[in-house]
Amino acid sequence: MVSICSYLTHCQAKPTGITFSDSFTIQICHNLRIVRYQVFKSTSKREKGTMGWFYGFKLNLIINDQSGIISVKVTTTNVDNRKPVAERANEL
């Protein structure tokens, strides 16, 4: 997880005035294995999304109109998608 975040931070682009925000899920394991999976037990949460239940994280991105990554934030699944966007938009 740290390597993904550091790579995306390294590829950071500059804002051009037009930005888009999106988030998607990073599923850690299948729902049947949640009880046995212990690696991210203290940080990961189980949540119901539009595609059903999953166990993992959310990756929130803000990109510019040239598909350059401006900002990245990884959150647990129980965080509302609007909260990280508001925090990161104030930083721009």
PDB file of N, CA and C in Angstrom:
ATOM      1  N   MET A   1       0.822  -1.186   0.000  1.00  0.00           N
ATOM      2  CA  MET A   1       0.000   0.000   0.000  1.00  0.00           C
ATOM      3  C   MET A   1       0.871   1.257   0.000  1.00  0.00           C
ATOM      4  N   VAL A   2       1.940   1.239   0.762  1.00  0.00           N
ATOM      5  CA  VAL A   2       2.837   2.389   0.822  1.00  0.00           C
ATOM      6  C   VAL A   2       3.501   2.623  -0.528  1.00  0.00           C
ATOM      7  N   SER A   3       3.866   1.548  -1.213  1.00  0.00           N
ATOM      8  CA  SER A   3       4.517   1.704  -2.516  1.00  0.00           C
ATOM      9  C   SER A   3       3.574   2.313  -3.546  1.00  0.00           C
ATOM     10  N   ILE A   4       2.296   1.970  -3.494  1.00  0.00           N
ATOM     11  CA  ILE A   4       1.323   2.557  -4.419  1.00  0.00           C
ATOM     12  C   ILE A   4       1.191   4.054  -4.165  1.00  0.00           C
ATOM     13  N   CYS A   5       1.044   4.420  -2.898  1.00  0.00           N
ATOM     14  CA  CYS A   5       0.881   5.840  -2.556  1.00  0.00           C
ATOM     15  C   CYS A   5       2.118   6.658  -2.895  1.00  0.00           C
ATOM     16  N   SER A   6       3.293   6.101  -2.637  1.00  0.00           N
ATOM     17  CA  SER A   6       4.509   6.852  -2.953  1.00  0.00           C
ATOM     18  C   SER A   6       4.693   7.001  -4.459  1.00  0.00           C
ATOM     19  N   TYR A   7       4.332   5.976  -5.231  1.00  0.00           N
ATOM     20  CA  TYR A   7       4.420   6.080  -6.691  1.00  0.00           C
ATOM     21  C   TYR A   7       3.457   7.139  -7.219  1.00  0.00           C
ATOM     22  N   LEU A   8       2.220   7.125  -6.727  1.00  0.00           N
ATOM     23  CA  LEU A   8       1.236   8.093  -7.195  1.00  0.00           C
ATOM     24  C   LEU A   8       1.607   9.515  -6.783  1.00  0.00           C
ATOM     25  N   THR A   9       2.215   9.676  -5.619  1.00  0.00           N
ATOM     26  CA  THR A   9       2.678  10.993  -5.191  1.00  0.00           C
ATOM     27  C   THR A   9       3.835  11.465  -6.066  1.00  0.00           C
ATOM     28  N   HIS A  10       4.700  10.539  -6.480  1.00  0.00           N
ATOM     29  CA  HIS A  10       5.829  10.870  -7.355  1.00  0.00           C
ATOM     30  C   HIS A  10       5.347  11.350  -8.721  1.00  0.00           C
ATOM     31  N   CYS A  11       4.239  10.814  -9.196  1.00  0.00           N
ATOM     32  CA  CYS A  11       3.692  11.174 -10.509  1.00  0.00           C
ATOM     33  C   CYS A  11       2.773  12.393 -10.443  1.00  0.00           C
ATOM     34  N   GLN A  12       2.857  13.171  -9.403  1.00  0.00           N
ATOM     35  CA  GLN A  12       1.941  14.273  -9.183  1.00  0.00           C
ATOM     36  C   GLN A  12       2.091  15.354 -10.249  1.00  0.00           C
ATOM     37  N   ALA A  13       0.939  15.815 -10.762  1.00  0.00           N
ATOM     38  CA  ALA A  13       0.907  16.857 -11.791  1.00  0.00           C
ATOM     39  C   ALA A  13       0.468  18.183 -11.172  1.00  0.00           C
ATOM     40  N   LYS A  14       0.565  19.245 -11.948  1.00  0.00           N
ATOM     41  CA  LYS A  14       0.154  20.566 -11.472  1.00  0.00           C
ATOM     42  C   LYS A  14      -1.288  20.840 -11.890  1.00  0.00           C
ATOM     43  N   PRO A  15      -2.032  21.580 -11.061  1.00  0.00           N
ATOM     44  CA  PRO A  15      -3.412  21.927 -11.428  1.00  0.00           C
ATOM     45  C   PRO A  15      -3.443  22.838 -12.656  1.00  0.00           C
ATOM     46  N   THR A  16      -4.395  22.577 -13.547  1.00  0.00           N
ATOM     47  CA  THR A  16      -4.537  23.387 -14.755  1.00  0.00           C
ATOM     48  C   THR A  16      -5.791  24.251 -14.721  1.00  0.00           C
ATOM     49  N   GLY A  17      -6.564  24.164 -13.651  1.00  0.00           N
ATOM     50  CA  GLY A  17      -7.799  24.936 -13.539  1.00  0.00           C
ATOM     51  C   GLY A  17      -9.035  24.067 -13.630  1.00  0.00           C
ATOM     52  N   ILE A  18      -8.959  22.973 -14.380  1.00  0.00           N
ATOM     53  CA  ILE A  18     -10.078  22.040 -14.499  1.00  0.00           C
ATOM     54  C   ILE A  18      -9.673  20.750 -13.804  1.00  0.00           C
ATOM     55  N   THR A  19     -10.460  20.336 -12.811  1.00  0.00           N
ATOM     56  CA  THR A  19     -10.133  19.117 -12.073  1.00  0.00           C
ATOM     57  C   THR A  19     -11.340  18.199 -11.999  1.00  0.00           C
ATOM     58  N   PHE A  20     -11.066  16.914 -11.877  1.00  0.00           N
ATOM     59  CA  PHE A  20     -12.084  15.889 -11.722  1.00  0.00           C
ATOM     60  C   PHE A  20     -11.747  15.066 -10.487  1.00  0.00           C
ATOM     61  N   SER A  21     -12.775  14.636  -9.781  1.00  0.00           N
ATOM     62  CA  SER A  21     -12.575  13.829  -8.585  1.00  0.00           C
ATOM     63  C   SER A  21     -13.277  12.492  -8.763  1.00  0.00           C
ATOM     64  N   ASP A  22     -12.620  11.413  -8.338  1.00  0.00           N
ATOM     65  CA  ASP A  22     -13.206  10.079  -8.422  1.00  0.00           C
ATOM     66  C   ASP A  22     -12.643   9.230  -7.294  1.00  0.00           C
ATOM     67  N   SER A  23     -13.385   8.205  -6.938  1.00  0.00           N
ATOM     68  CA  SER A  23     -12.899   7.258  -5.939  1.00  0.00           C
ATOM     69  C   SER A  23     -13.285   5.858  -6.376  1.00  0.00           C
ATOM     70  N   PHE A  24     -12.455   4.899  -6.002  1.00  0.00           N
ATOM     71  CA  PHE A  24     -12.779   3.504  -6.267  1.00  0.00           C
ATOM     72  C   PHE A  24     -12.251   2.648  -5.134  1.00  0.00           C
ATOM     73  N   THR A  25     -12.742   1.431  -5.074  1.00  0.00           N
ATOM     74  CA  THR A  25     -12.414   0.553  -3.956  1.00  0.00           C
ATOM     75  C   THR A  25     -11.202  -0.309  -4.264  1.00  0.00           C
ATOM     76  N   ILE A  26     -10.462  -0.631  -3.217  1.00  0.00           N
ATOM     77  CA  ILE A  26      -9.364  -1.587  -3.290  1.00  0.00           C
ATOM     78  C   ILE A  26      -9.766  -2.740  -2.384  1.00  0.00           C
ATOM     79  N   GLN A  27     -10.243  -3.814  -2.986  1.00  0.00           N
ATOM     80  CA  GLN A  27     -10.702  -4.959  -2.203  1.00  0.00           C
ATOM     81  C   GLN A  27      -9.503  -5.802  -1.783  1.00  0.00           C
ATOM     82  N   ILE A  28      -9.403  -6.090  -0.490  1.00  0.00           N
ATOM     83  CA  ILE A  28      -8.259  -6.827   0.043  1.00  0.00           C
ATOM     84  C   ILE A  28      -8.425  -8.325  -0.130  1.00  0.00           C
ATOM     85  N   CYS A  29      -9.585  -8.846   0.220  1.00  0.00           N
ATOM     86  CA  CYS A  29      -9.809 -10.283   0.100  1.00  0.00           C
ATOM     87  C   CYS A  29     -11.283 -10.540  -0.172  1.00  0.00           C
ATOM     88  N   HIS A  30     -11.608 -11.771  -0.522  1.00  0.00           N
ATOM     89  CA  HIS A  30     -12.978 -12.175  -0.778  1.00  0.00           C
ATOM     90  C   HIS A  30     -13.772 -12.148   0.521  1.00  0.00           C
ATOM     91  N   ASN A  31     -15.077 -11.901   0.419  1.00  0.00           N
ATOM     92  CA  ASN A  31     -15.919 -11.792   1.609  1.00  0.00           C
ATOM     93  C   ASN A  31     -15.891 -13.034   2.490  1.00  0.00           C
ATOM     94  N   LEU A  32     -15.726 -14.207   1.915  1.00  0.00           N
ATOM     95  CA  LEU A  32     -15.705 -15.432   2.711  1.00  0.00           C
ATOM     96  C   LEU A  32     -14.446 -15.550   3.562  1.00  0.00           C
ATOM     97  N   ARG A  33     -13.390 -14.828   3.217  1.00  0.00           N
ATOM     98  CA  ARG A  33     -12.116 -14.933   3.936  1.00  0.00           C
ATOM     99  C   ARG A  33     -11.864 -13.785   4.913  1.00  0.00           C
ATOM    100  N   ILE A  34     -12.830 -12.917   5.120  1.00  0.00           N
ATOM    101  CA  ILE A  34     -12.637 -11.749   5.979  1.00  0.00           C
ATOM    102  C   ILE A  34     -12.277 -12.157   7.402  1.00  0.00           C
ATOM    103  N   VAL A  35     -12.916 -13.175   7.926  1.00  0.00           N
ATOM    104  CA  VAL A  35     -12.676 -13.603   9.308  1.00  0.00           C
ATOM    105  C   VAL A  35     -11.252 -14.113   9.482  1.00  0.00           C
ATOM    106  N   ARG A  36     -10.715 -14.797   8.485  1.00  0.00           N
ATOM    107  CA  ARG A  36      -9.370 -15.372   8.589  1.00  0.00           C
ATOM    108  C   ARG A  36      -8.265 -14.402   8.195  1.00  0.00           C
ATOM    109  N   TYR A  37      -8.596 -13.351   7.464  1.00  0.00           N
ATOM    110  CA  TYR A  37      -7.577 -12.425   6.961  1.00  0.00           C
ATOM    111  C   TYR A  37      -7.150 -11.483   8.082  1.00  0.00           C
ATOM    112  N   GLN A  38      -5.863 -11.413   8.393  1.00  0.00           N
ATOM    113  CA  GLN A  38      -5.380 -10.666   9.552  1.00  0.00           C
ATOM    114  C   GLN A  38      -4.428  -9.512   9.221  1.00  0.00           C
ATOM    115  N   VAL A  39      -4.034  -9.338   7.976  1.00  0.00           N
ATOM    116  CA  VAL A  39      -2.979  -8.374   7.645  1.00  0.00           C
ATOM    117  C   VAL A  39      -3.405  -6.926   7.917  1.00  0.00           C
ATOM    118  N   PHE A  40      -4.534  -6.487   7.401  1.00  0.00           N
ATOM    119  CA  PHE A  40      -5.004  -5.118   7.593  1.00  0.00           C
ATOM    120  C   PHE A  40      -6.156  -5.060   8.592  1.00  0.00           C
ATOM    121  N   LYS A  41      -6.182  -5.941   9.555  1.00  0.00           N
ATOM    122  CA  LYS A  41      -7.309  -6.053  10.476  1.00  0.00           C
ATOM    123  C   LYS A  41      -7.559  -4.760  11.249  1.00  0.00           C
ATOM    124  N   SER A  42      -6.510  -4.069  11.667  1.00  0.00           N
ATOM    125  CA  SER A  42      -6.689  -2.867  12.486  1.00  0.00           C
ATOM    126  C   SER A  42      -7.058  -1.631  11.660  1.00  0.00           C
ATOM    127  N   THR A  43      -6.765  -1.604  10.375  1.00  0.00           N
ATOM    128  CA  THR A  43      -7.012  -0.406   9.572  1.00  0.00           C
ATOM    129  C   THR A  43      -8.141  -0.552   8.562  1.00  0.00           C
ATOM    130  N   SER A  44      -8.414  -1.746   8.092  1.00  0.00           N
ATOM    131  CA  SER A  44      -9.420  -1.945   7.059  1.00  0.00           C
ATOM    132  C   SER A  44     -10.795  -2.168   7.678  1.00  0.00           C
ATOM    133  N   LYS A  45     -11.836  -1.825   6.934  1.00  0.00           N
ATOM    134  CA  LYS A  45     -13.215  -1.975   7.391  1.00  0.00           C
ATOM    135  C   LYS A  45     -14.026  -2.708   6.336  1.00  0.00           C
ATOM    136  N   ARG A  46     -15.141  -3.284   6.783  1.00  0.00           N
ATOM    137  CA  ARG A  46     -16.079  -3.928   5.875  1.00  0.00           C
ATOM    138  C   ARG A  46     -17.206  -2.948   5.601  1.00  0.00           C
ATOM    139  N   GLU A  47     -17.592  -2.803   4.347  1.00  0.00           N
ATOM    140  CA  GLU A  47     -18.582  -1.807   3.973  1.00  0.00           C
ATOM    141  C   GLU A  47     -19.405  -2.307   2.795  1.00  0.00           C
ATOM    142  N   LYS A  48     -20.637  -1.831   2.713  1.00  0.00           N
ATOM    143  CA  LYS A  48     -21.489  -2.163   1.579  1.00  0.00           C
ATOM    144  C   LYS A  48     -21.454  -1.004   0.592  1.00  0.00           C
ATOM    145  N   GLY A  49     -21.044  -1.300  -0.618  1.00  0.00           N
ATOM    146  CA  GLY A  49     -21.002  -0.301  -1.675  1.00  0.00           C
ATOM    147  C   GLY A  49     -22.065  -0.589  -2.718  1.00  0.00           C
ATOM    148  N   THR A  50     -21.950   0.041  -3.866  1.00  0.00           N
ATOM    149  CA  THR A  50     -22.923  -0.162  -4.933  1.00  0.00           C
ATOM    150  C   THR A  50     -22.833  -1.558  -5.535  1.00  0.00           C
ATOM    151  N   MET A  51     -21.678  -2.201  -5.402  1.00  0.00           N
ATOM    152  CA  MET A  51     -21.489  -3.548  -5.945  1.00  0.00           C
ATOM    153  C   MET A  51     -21.634  -4.631  -4.873  1.00  0.00           C
ATOM    154  N   GLY A  52     -22.109  -4.279  -3.687  1.00  0.00           N
ATOM    155  CA  GLY A  52     -22.272  -5.249  -2.605  1.00  0.00           C
ATOM    156  C   GLY A  52     -21.226  -5.051  -1.522  1.00  0.00           C
ATOM    157  N   TRP A  53     -21.120  -6.038  -0.632  1.00  0.00           N
ATOM    158  CA  TRP A  53     -20.185  -5.956   0.487  1.00  0.00           C
ATOM    159  C   TRP A  53     -18.756  -6.205   0.030  1.00  0.00           C
ATOM    160  N   PHE A  54     -17.814  -5.467   0.615  1.00  0.00           N
ATOM    161  CA  PHE A  54     -16.402  -5.707   0.349  1.00  0.00           C
ATOM    162  C   PHE A  54     -15.592  -5.301   1.569  1.00  0.00           C
ATOM    163  N   TYR A  55     -14.352  -5.746   1.606  1.00  0.00           N
ATOM    164  CA  TYR A  55     -13.436  -5.509   2.717  1.00  0.00           C
ATOM    165  C   TYR A  55     -12.179  -4.884   2.150  1.00  0.00           C
ATOM    166  N   GLY A  56     -11.880  -3.657   2.529  1.00  0.00           N
ATOM    167  CA  GLY A  56     -10.696  -3.020   1.975  1.00  0.00           C
ATOM    168  C   GLY A  56     -10.629  -1.535   2.234  1.00  0.00           C
ATOM    169  N   PHE A  57     -10.176  -0.804   1.224  1.00  0.00           N
ATOM    170  CA  PHE A  57      -9.945   0.635   1.310  1.00  0.00           C
ATOM    171  C   PHE A  57     -10.588   1.328   0.117  1.00  0.00           C
ATOM    172  N   LYS A  58     -10.623   2.671   0.170  1.00  0.00           N
ATOM    173  CA  LYS A  58     -11.031   3.488  -0.965  1.00  0.00           C
ATOM    174  C   LYS A  58      -9.852   4.359  -1.375  1.00  0.00           C
ATOM    175  N   LEU A  59      -9.629   4.466  -2.665  1.00  0.00           N
ATOM    176  CA  LEU A  59      -8.603   5.350  -3.210  1.00  0.00           C
ATOM    177  C   LEU A  59      -9.318   6.543  -3.830  1.00  0.00           C
ATOM    178  N   ASN A  60      -9.072   7.730  -3.301  1.00  0.00           N
ATOM    179  CA  ASN A  60      -9.693   8.961  -3.778  1.00  0.00           C
ATOM    180  C   ASN A  60      -8.673   9.750  -4.579  1.00  0.00           C
ATOM    181  N   LEU A  61      -9.037  10.115  -5.806  1.00  0.00           N
ATOM    182  CA  LEU A  61      -8.131  10.831  -6.710  1.00  0.00           C
ATOM    183  C   LEU A  61      -8.725  12.160  -7.139  1.00  0.00           C
ATOM    184  N   ILE A  62      -7.877  13.140  -7.322  1.00  0.00           N
ATOM    185  CA  ILE A  62      -8.229  14.372  -8.026  1.00  0.00           C
ATOM    186  C   ILE A  62      -7.248  14.478  -9.183  1.00  0.00           C
ATOM    187  N   ILE A  63      -7.781  14.562 -10.408  1.00  0.00           N
ATOM    188  CA  ILE A  63      -6.937  14.638 -11.598  1.00  0.00           C
ATOM    189  C   ILE A  63      -7.256  15.918 -12.361  1.00  0.00           C
ATOM    190  N   ASN A  64      -6.316  16.352 -13.209  1.00  0.00           N
ATOM    191  CA  ASN A  64      -6.562  17.532 -14.037  1.00  0.00           C
ATOM    192  C   ASN A  64      -7.129  17.103 -15.390  1.00  0.00           C
ATOM    193  N   ASP A  65      -7.375  18.071 -16.273  1.00  0.00           N
ATOM    194  CA  ASP A  65      -7.982  17.768 -17.569  1.00  0.00           C
ATOM    195  C   ASP A  65      -7.042  17.043 -18.520  1.00  0.00           C
ATOM    196  N   GLN A  66      -5.760  16.928 -18.164  1.00  0.00           N
ATOM    197  CA  GLN A  66      -4.796  16.194 -18.979  1.00  0.00           C
ATOM    198  C   GLN A  66      -4.486  14.826 -18.374  1.00  0.00           C
ATOM    199  N   SER A  67      -5.341  14.350 -17.486  1.00  0.00           N
ATOM    200  CA  SER A  67      -5.220  13.050 -16.800  1.00  0.00           C
ATOM    201  C   SER A  67      -4.009  12.962 -15.884  1.00  0.00           C
ATOM    202  N   GLY A  68      -3.516  14.075 -15.419  1.00  0.00           N
ATOM    203  CA  GLY A  68      -2.424  14.084 -14.451  1.00  0.00           C
ATOM    204  C   GLY A  68      -2.971  14.035 -13.036  1.00  0.00           C
ATOM    205  N   ILE A  69      -2.355  13.248 -12.188  1.00  0.00           N
ATOM    206  CA  ILE A  69      -2.821  13.089 -10.815  1.00  0.00           C
ATOM    207  C   ILE A  69      -2.381  14.299  -9.997  1.00  0.00           C
ATOM    208  N   ILE A  70      -3.350  14.985  -9.401  1.00  0.00           N
ATOM    209  CA  ILE A  70      -3.058  16.144  -8.570  1.00  0.00           C
ATOM    210  C   ILE A  70      -2.985  15.753  -7.101  1.00  0.00           C
ATOM    211  N   SER A  71      -3.929  14.916  -6.654  1.00  0.00           N
ATOM    212  CA  SER A  71      -3.979  14.559  -5.243  1.00  0.00           C
ATOM    213  C   SER A  71      -4.488  13.132  -5.085  1.00  0.00           C
ATOM    214  N   VAL A  72      -3.940  12.432  -4.080  1.00  0.00           N
ATOM    215  CA  VAL A  72      -4.310  11.042  -3.796  1.00  0.00           C
ATOM    216  C   VAL A  72      -4.538  10.902  -2.301  1.00  0.00           C
ATOM    217  N   LYS A  73      -5.584  10.170  -1.932  1.00  0.00           N
ATOM    218  CA  LYS A  73      -5.802   9.863  -0.518  1.00  0.00           C
ATOM    219  C   LYS A  73      -6.436   8.485  -0.414  1.00  0.00           C
ATOM    220  N   VAL A  74      -5.882   7.654   0.471  1.00  0.00           N
ATOM    221  CA  VAL A  74      -6.431   6.329   0.744  1.00  0.00           C
ATOM    222  C   VAL A  74      -7.162   6.403   2.072  1.00  0.00           C
ATOM    223  N   THR A  75      -8.443   5.988   2.075  1.00  0.00           N
ATOM    224  CA  THR A  75      -9.251   6.007   3.289  1.00  0.00           C
ATOM    225  C   THR A  75      -9.858   4.635   3.527  1.00  0.00           C
ATOM    226  N   THR A  76     -10.382   4.447   4.725  1.00  0.00           N
ATOM    227  CA  THR A  76     -11.131   3.224   4.998  1.00  0.00           C
ATOM    228  C   THR A  76     -12.477   3.321   4.301  1.00  0.00           C
ATOM    229  N   THR A  77     -13.166   2.207   4.206  1.00  0.00           N
ATOM    230  CA  THR A  77     -14.404   2.176   3.431  1.00  0.00           C
ATOM    231  C   THR A  77     -15.550   2.914   4.092  1.00  0.00           C
ATOM    232  N   ASN A  78     -15.495   3.122   5.403  1.00  0.00           N
ATOM    233  CA  ASN A  78     -16.619   3.763   6.078  1.00  0.00           C
ATOM    234  C   ASN A  78     -16.545   5.291   6.058  1.00  0.00           C
ATOM    235  N   VAL A  79     -15.599   5.874   5.343  1.00  0.00           N
ATOM    236  CA  VAL A  79     -15.481   7.332   5.215  1.00  0.00           C
ATOM    237  C   VAL A  79     -16.296   7.781   4.003  1.00  0.00           C
ATOM    238  N   ASP A  80     -17.115   8.816   4.191  1.00  0.00           N
ATOM    239  CA  ASP A  80     -17.924   9.356   3.106  1.00  0.00           C
ATOM    240  C   ASP A  80     -17.011   9.931   2.018  1.00  0.00           C
ATOM    241  N   ASN A  81     -17.350   9.700   0.755  1.00  0.00           N
ATOM    242  CA  ASN A  81     -16.510  10.144  -0.364  1.00  0.00           C
ATOM    243  C   ASN A  81     -16.369  11.662  -0.439  1.00  0.00           C
ATOM    244  N   ARG A  82     -17.328  12.401   0.088  1.00  0.00           N
ATOM    245  CA  ARG A  82     -17.278  13.862   0.008  1.00  0.00           C
ATOM    246  C   ARG A  82     -16.281  14.470   0.985  1.00  0.00           C
ATOM    247  N   LYS A  83     -15.999  13.787   2.087  1.00  0.00           N
ATOM    248  CA  LYS A  83     -15.105  14.338   3.111  1.00  0.00           C
ATOM    249  C   LYS A  83     -13.663  14.498   2.618  1.00  0.00           C
ATOM    250  N   PRO A  84     -13.026  13.452   2.033  1.00  0.00           N
ATOM    251  CA  PRO A  84     -11.656  13.657   1.554  1.00  0.00           C
ATOM    252  C   PRO A  84     -11.558  14.652   0.401  1.00  0.00           C
ATOM    253  N   VAL A  85     -12.606  14.754  -0.402  1.00  0.00           N
ATOM    254  CA  VAL A  85     -12.582  15.701  -1.524  1.00  0.00           C
ATOM    255  C   VAL A  85     -12.560  17.129  -0.994  1.00  0.00           C
ATOM    256  N   ALA A  86     -13.368  17.406   0.015  1.00  0.00           N
ATOM    257  CA  ALA A  86     -13.398  18.755   0.588  1.00  0.00           C
ATOM    258  C   ALA A  86     -12.062  19.105   1.239  1.00  0.00           C
ATOM    259  N   GLU A  87     -11.453  18.151   1.931  1.00  0.00           N
ATOM    260  CA  GLU A  87     -10.153  18.387   2.568  1.00  0.00           C
ATOM    261  C   GLU A  87      -9.073  18.687   1.527  1.00  0.00           C
ATOM    262  N   ARG A  88      -9.049  17.895   0.458  1.00  0.00           N
ATOM    263  CA  ARG A  88      -8.002  18.060  -0.553  1.00  0.00           C
ATOM    264  C   ARG A  88      -8.249  19.258  -1.452  1.00  0.00           C
ATOM    265  N   ALA A  89      -9.511  19.623  -1.666  1.00  0.00           N
ATOM    266  CA  ALA A  89      -9.809  20.793  -2.500  1.00  0.00           C
ATOM    267  C   ALA A  89      -9.332  22.074  -1.827  1.00  0.00           C
ATOM    268  N   ASN A  90      -9.397  22.123  -0.504  1.00  0.00           N
ATOM    269  CA  ASN A  90      -8.903  23.304   0.213  1.00  0.00           C
ATOM    270  C   ASN A  90      -7.393  23.430   0.110  1.00  0.00           C
ATOM    271  N   GLU A  91      -6.686  22.319  -0.043  1.00  0.00           N
ATOM    272  CA  GLU A  91      -5.232  22.337  -0.171  1.00  0.00           C
ATOM    273  C   GLU A  91      -4.778  22.866  -1.529  1.00  0.00           C
ATOM    274  N   LEU A  92      -5.630  22.752  -2.544  1.00  0.00           N
ATOM    275  CA  LEU A  92      -5.255  23.206  -3.883  1.00  0.00           C
ATOM    276  C   LEU A  92      -5.300  24.711  -3.931  1.00  0.00           C
TER     277      LEU A  92
END
